[in-house]
Amino acid sequence: MRIVVFDDRRSLAHLGLGILSVMWPWIWIVFSVYEMVEFCLRRGKRRREKIGEFIGDLVEFLVGAGVAGMLLCPSNILGIVGIVVGVL
């Protein structure tokens, strides 16, 4: 299975929604439901969405949420750096 990430213009929308979901968590629920409905309904049409594209959309969303989380909560970054330095 090949996971396709940042493959079209909608990828930027997924990234933006991920960023906004840090401030408004209900966006995560709406995005998840939308992606599930889109995946299920497109399966019956001419252009079927592949599972790799579906997972890629979720990854794009999570990258946005992760970046926003690190920028809005710098103490999390310091905690991650501390763990990495401790391992080394």
N, C-alpha and C. Protein backbone atom coordinates (compact mmCIF):
# COMPACT_ATOMS: atom_id res chain seq x y z
N MET A 1 0.85 -1.17 0.00
CA MET A 1 0.00 0.00 0.00
C MET A 1 0.90 1.24 0.00
N ARG A 2 0.57 2.18 -0.84
CA ARG A 2 1.32 3.43 -0.94
C ARG A 2 0.49 4.55 -0.34
N ILE A 3 1.04 5.24 0.65
CA ILE A 3 0.33 6.36 1.28
C ILE A 3 0.72 7.64 0.56
N VAL A 4 -0.28 8.35 0.08
CA VAL A 4 -0.05 9.57 -0.69
C VAL A 4 -0.33 10.76 0.22
N VAL A 5 0.72 11.60 0.42
CA VAL A 5 0.60 12.75 1.31
C VAL A 5 0.93 14.02 0.53
N PHE A 6 0.16 15.08 0.76
CA PHE A 6 0.32 16.37 0.09
C PHE A 6 0.35 16.21 -1.42
N ASP A 7 -0.72 15.64 -1.95
CA ASP A 7 -0.79 15.33 -3.38
C ASP A 7 -1.66 16.29 -4.18
N ASP A 8 -2.48 17.11 -3.51
CA ASP A 8 -3.35 18.02 -4.25
C ASP A 8 -3.62 19.28 -3.44
N ARG A 9 -4.45 20.16 -3.98
CA ARG A 9 -4.75 21.42 -3.29
C ARG A 9 -5.52 21.21 -2.00
N ARG A 10 -6.31 20.16 -1.95
CA ARG A 10 -7.07 19.90 -0.73
C ARG A 10 -6.15 19.53 0.44
N SER A 11 -4.93 19.14 0.12
CA SER A 11 -3.97 18.81 1.18
C SER A 11 -3.70 20.02 2.06
N LEU A 12 -3.65 21.20 1.46
CA LEU A 12 -3.45 22.42 2.26
C LEU A 12 -4.65 22.68 3.17
N ALA A 13 -5.84 22.34 2.69
CA ALA A 13 -7.03 22.49 3.54
C ALA A 13 -6.96 21.52 4.71
N HIS A 14 -6.52 20.29 4.46
CA HIS A 14 -6.38 19.31 5.55
C HIS A 14 -5.36 19.81 6.58
N LEU A 15 -4.25 20.37 6.10
CA LEU A 15 -3.23 20.91 6.99
C LEU A 15 -3.80 22.06 7.81
N GLY A 16 -4.53 22.97 7.14
CA GLY A 16 -5.13 24.11 7.84
C GLY A 16 -6.16 23.68 8.87
N LEU A 17 -6.97 22.69 8.54
CA LEU A 17 -7.95 22.20 9.51
C LEU A 17 -7.26 21.55 10.70
N GLY A 18 -6.14 20.89 10.45
CA GLY A 18 -5.38 20.31 11.56
C GLY A 18 -4.86 21.38 12.50
N ILE A 19 -4.39 22.49 11.92
CA ILE A 19 -3.90 23.60 12.74
C ILE A 19 -5.05 24.18 13.57
N LEU A 20 -6.19 24.38 12.93
CA LEU A 20 -7.34 24.95 13.64
C LEU A 20 -7.89 24.00 14.71
N SER A 21 -7.71 22.71 14.53
CA SER A 21 -8.26 21.75 15.49
C SER A 21 -7.59 21.83 16.86
N VAL A 22 -6.40 22.42 16.91
CA VAL A 22 -5.75 22.59 18.21
C VAL A 22 -6.52 23.61 19.03
N MET A 23 -7.06 24.63 18.37
CA MET A 23 -7.82 25.66 19.08
C MET A 23 -9.28 25.26 19.27
N TRP A 24 -9.83 24.56 18.29
CA TRP A 24 -11.22 24.13 18.34
C TRP A 24 -11.29 22.62 18.11
N PRO A 25 -11.28 21.81 19.16
CA PRO A 25 -11.21 20.35 19.02
C PRO A 25 -12.39 19.72 18.27
N TRP A 26 -13.52 20.38 18.19
CA TRP A 26 -14.66 19.80 17.48
C TRP A 26 -14.37 19.64 15.99
N ILE A 27 -13.38 20.38 15.48
CA ILE A 27 -13.01 20.25 14.07
C ILE A 27 -12.50 18.85 13.78
N TRP A 28 -11.81 18.23 14.75
CA TRP A 28 -11.30 16.86 14.57
C TRP A 28 -12.46 15.89 14.32
N ILE A 29 -13.53 16.04 15.07
CA ILE A 29 -14.68 15.14 14.92
C ILE A 29 -15.34 15.35 13.56
N VAL A 30 -15.56 16.61 13.19
CA VAL A 30 -16.19 16.92 11.90
C VAL A 30 -15.31 16.41 10.75
N PHE A 31 -14.01 16.62 10.84
CA PHE A 31 -13.10 16.17 9.78
C PHE A 31 -13.11 14.65 9.66
N SER A 32 -13.08 13.96 10.78
CA SER A 32 -13.08 12.49 10.76
C SER A 32 -14.35 11.94 10.13
N VAL A 33 -15.49 12.50 10.52
CA VAL A 33 -16.77 12.04 9.95
C VAL A 33 -16.80 12.34 8.45
N TYR A 34 -16.36 13.53 8.06
CA TYR A 34 -16.36 13.89 6.65
C TYR A 34 -15.48 12.93 5.84
N GLU A 35 -14.30 12.63 6.34
CA GLU A 35 -13.39 11.73 5.61
C GLU A 35 -13.98 10.33 5.48
N MET A 36 -14.62 9.84 6.53
CA MET A 36 -15.23 8.51 6.47
C MET A 36 -16.37 8.48 5.44
N VAL A 37 -17.22 9.52 5.46
CA VAL A 37 -18.33 9.58 4.51
C VAL A 37 -17.80 9.71 3.09
N GLU A 38 -16.80 10.57 2.90
CA GLU A 38 -16.23 10.74 1.56
C GLU A 38 -15.63 9.42 1.06
N PHE A 39 -14.92 8.72 1.91
CA PHE A 39 -14.30 7.46 1.51
C PHE A 39 -15.36 6.42 1.14
N CYS A 40 -16.40 6.32 1.95
CA CYS A 40 -17.44 5.32 1.69
C CYS A 40 -18.28 5.65 0.46
N LEU A 41 -18.60 6.92 0.26
CA LEU A 41 -19.44 7.30 -0.87
C LEU A 41 -18.67 7.29 -2.19
N ARG A 42 -17.42 7.61 -2.15
CA ARG A 42 -16.63 7.61 -3.38
C ARG A 42 -16.29 6.20 -3.84
N ARG A 43 -16.46 5.25 -2.98
CA ARG A 43 -16.14 3.87 -3.36
C ARG A 43 -17.03 3.38 -4.49
N GLY A 44 -18.25 3.86 -4.53
CA GLY A 44 -19.18 3.39 -5.55
C GLY A 44 -19.13 4.17 -6.86
N LYS A 45 -18.41 5.27 -6.88
CA LYS A 45 -18.37 6.11 -8.08
C LYS A 45 -17.22 5.68 -9.00
N ARG A 46 -17.10 6.41 -10.11
CA ARG A 46 -16.06 6.07 -11.10
C ARG A 46 -14.67 6.12 -10.50
N ARG A 47 -14.34 7.19 -9.80
CA ARG A 47 -13.00 7.39 -9.24
C ARG A 47 -13.01 6.99 -7.77
N ARG A 48 -12.59 5.79 -7.50
CA ARG A 48 -12.58 5.30 -6.12
C ARG A 48 -11.37 5.86 -5.38
N GLU A 49 -11.60 6.32 -4.17
CA GLU A 49 -10.49 6.79 -3.35
C GLU A 49 -9.81 5.57 -2.75
N LYS A 50 -8.53 5.49 -2.92
CA LYS A 50 -7.77 4.36 -2.39
C LYS A 50 -7.52 4.56 -0.91
N ILE A 51 -7.29 3.48 -0.21
CA ILE A 51 -7.06 3.55 1.24
C ILE A 51 -5.80 4.36 1.55
N GLY A 52 -4.80 4.31 0.67
CA GLY A 52 -3.59 5.11 0.88
C GLY A 52 -3.86 6.59 0.83
N GLU A 53 -4.78 7.01 -0.04
CA GLU A 53 -5.16 8.42 -0.11
C GLU A 53 -5.94 8.83 1.13
N PHE A 54 -6.79 7.93 1.61
CA PHE A 54 -7.57 8.21 2.83
C PHE A 54 -6.63 8.39 4.02
N ILE A 55 -5.69 7.48 4.17
CA ILE A 55 -4.72 7.58 5.27
C ILE A 55 -3.84 8.82 5.10
N GLY A 56 -3.50 9.15 3.85
CA GLY A 56 -2.72 10.35 3.58
C GLY A 56 -3.45 11.61 4.02
N ASP A 57 -4.76 11.66 3.81
CA ASP A 57 -5.55 12.81 4.26
C ASP A 57 -5.49 12.94 5.78
N LEU A 58 -5.59 11.82 6.47
CA LEU A 58 -5.51 11.85 7.93
C LEU A 58 -4.12 12.28 8.39
N VAL A 59 -3.09 11.82 7.71
CA VAL A 59 -1.72 12.21 8.07
C VAL A 59 -1.53 13.71 7.86
N GLU A 60 -2.05 14.26 6.77
CA GLU A 60 -1.95 15.70 6.54
C GLU A 60 -2.61 16.48 7.67
N PHE A 61 -3.76 16.02 8.09
CA PHE A 61 -4.47 16.67 9.19
C PHE A 61 -3.65 16.59 10.48
N LEU A 62 -3.10 15.42 10.77
CA LEU A 62 -2.34 15.24 12.00
C LEU A 62 -1.02 16.01 11.99
N VAL A 63 -0.42 16.19 10.82
CA VAL A 63 0.79 17.01 10.73
C VAL A 63 0.45 18.45 11.11
N GLY A 64 -0.66 18.96 10.60
CA GLY A 64 -1.08 20.32 10.96
C GLY A 64 -1.34 20.46 12.45
N ALA A 65 -2.02 19.48 13.02
CA ALA A 65 -2.30 19.52 14.46
C ALA A 65 -1.01 19.43 15.27
N GLY A 66 -0.09 18.61 14.82
CA GLY A 66 1.18 18.46 15.54
C GLY A 66 2.03 19.71 15.50
N VAL A 67 2.11 20.33 14.34
CA VAL A 67 2.89 21.56 14.20
C VAL A 67 2.27 22.67 15.04
N ALA A 68 0.96 22.82 14.97
CA ALA A 68 0.29 23.86 15.76
C ALA A 68 0.44 23.59 17.24
N GLY A 69 0.34 22.34 17.65
CA GLY A 69 0.52 22.00 19.06
C GLY A 69 1.90 22.36 19.57
N MET A 70 2.91 22.10 18.75
CA MET A 70 4.27 22.43 19.17
C MET A 70 4.50 23.94 19.21
N LEU A 71 3.89 24.67 18.28
CA LEU A 71 4.07 26.12 18.27
C LEU A 71 3.30 26.81 19.39
N LEU A 72 2.13 26.29 19.72
CA LEU A 72 1.31 26.91 20.76
C LEU A 72 1.73 26.50 22.16
N CYS A 73 2.37 25.35 22.30
CA CYS A 73 2.80 24.85 23.61
C CYS A 73 4.28 24.54 23.58
N PRO A 74 5.14 25.58 23.66
CA PRO A 74 6.57 25.34 23.56
C PRO A 74 7.11 24.44 24.66
N SER A 75 6.42 24.35 25.79
CA SER A 75 6.89 23.46 26.85
C SER A 75 6.88 22.02 26.39
N ASN A 76 5.98 21.66 25.47
CA ASN A 76 5.97 20.31 24.93
C ASN A 76 7.23 20.03 24.13
N ILE A 77 7.69 21.04 23.38
CA ILE A 77 8.92 20.87 22.60
C ILE A 77 10.09 20.66 23.54
N LEU A 78 10.16 21.46 24.60
CA LEU A 78 11.26 21.30 25.55
C LEU A 78 11.21 19.93 26.21
N GLY A 79 10.02 19.44 26.46
CA GLY A 79 9.89 18.10 27.03
C GLY A 79 10.38 17.03 26.08
N ILE A 80 10.07 17.18 24.81
CA ILE A 80 10.54 16.21 23.80
C ILE A 80 12.05 16.29 23.66
N VAL A 81 12.59 17.52 23.65
CA VAL A 81 14.04 17.68 23.56
C VAL A 81 14.72 17.06 24.77
N GLY A 82 14.13 17.23 25.94
CA GLY A 82 14.69 16.64 27.15
C GLY A 82 14.73 15.12 27.07
N ILE A 83 13.69 14.53 26.53
CA ILE A 83 13.66 13.07 26.39
C ILE A 83 14.73 12.61 25.41
N VAL A 84 14.86 13.32 24.29
CA VAL A 84 15.86 12.95 23.29
C VAL A 84 17.27 13.08 23.86
N VAL A 85 17.54 14.20 24.56
CA VAL A 85 18.86 14.39 25.15
C VAL A 85 19.13 13.34 26.22
N GLY A 86 18.11 13.00 26.96
CA GLY A 86 18.28 11.97 27.99
C GLY A 86 18.61 10.61 27.41
N VAL A 87 18.06 10.32 26.25
CA VAL A 87 18.34 9.03 25.60
C VAL A 87 19.78 9.00 25.11
N LEU A 88 20.24 10.15 24.60
CA LEU A 88 21.62 10.20 24.06
C LEU A 88 22.59 10.11 25.20
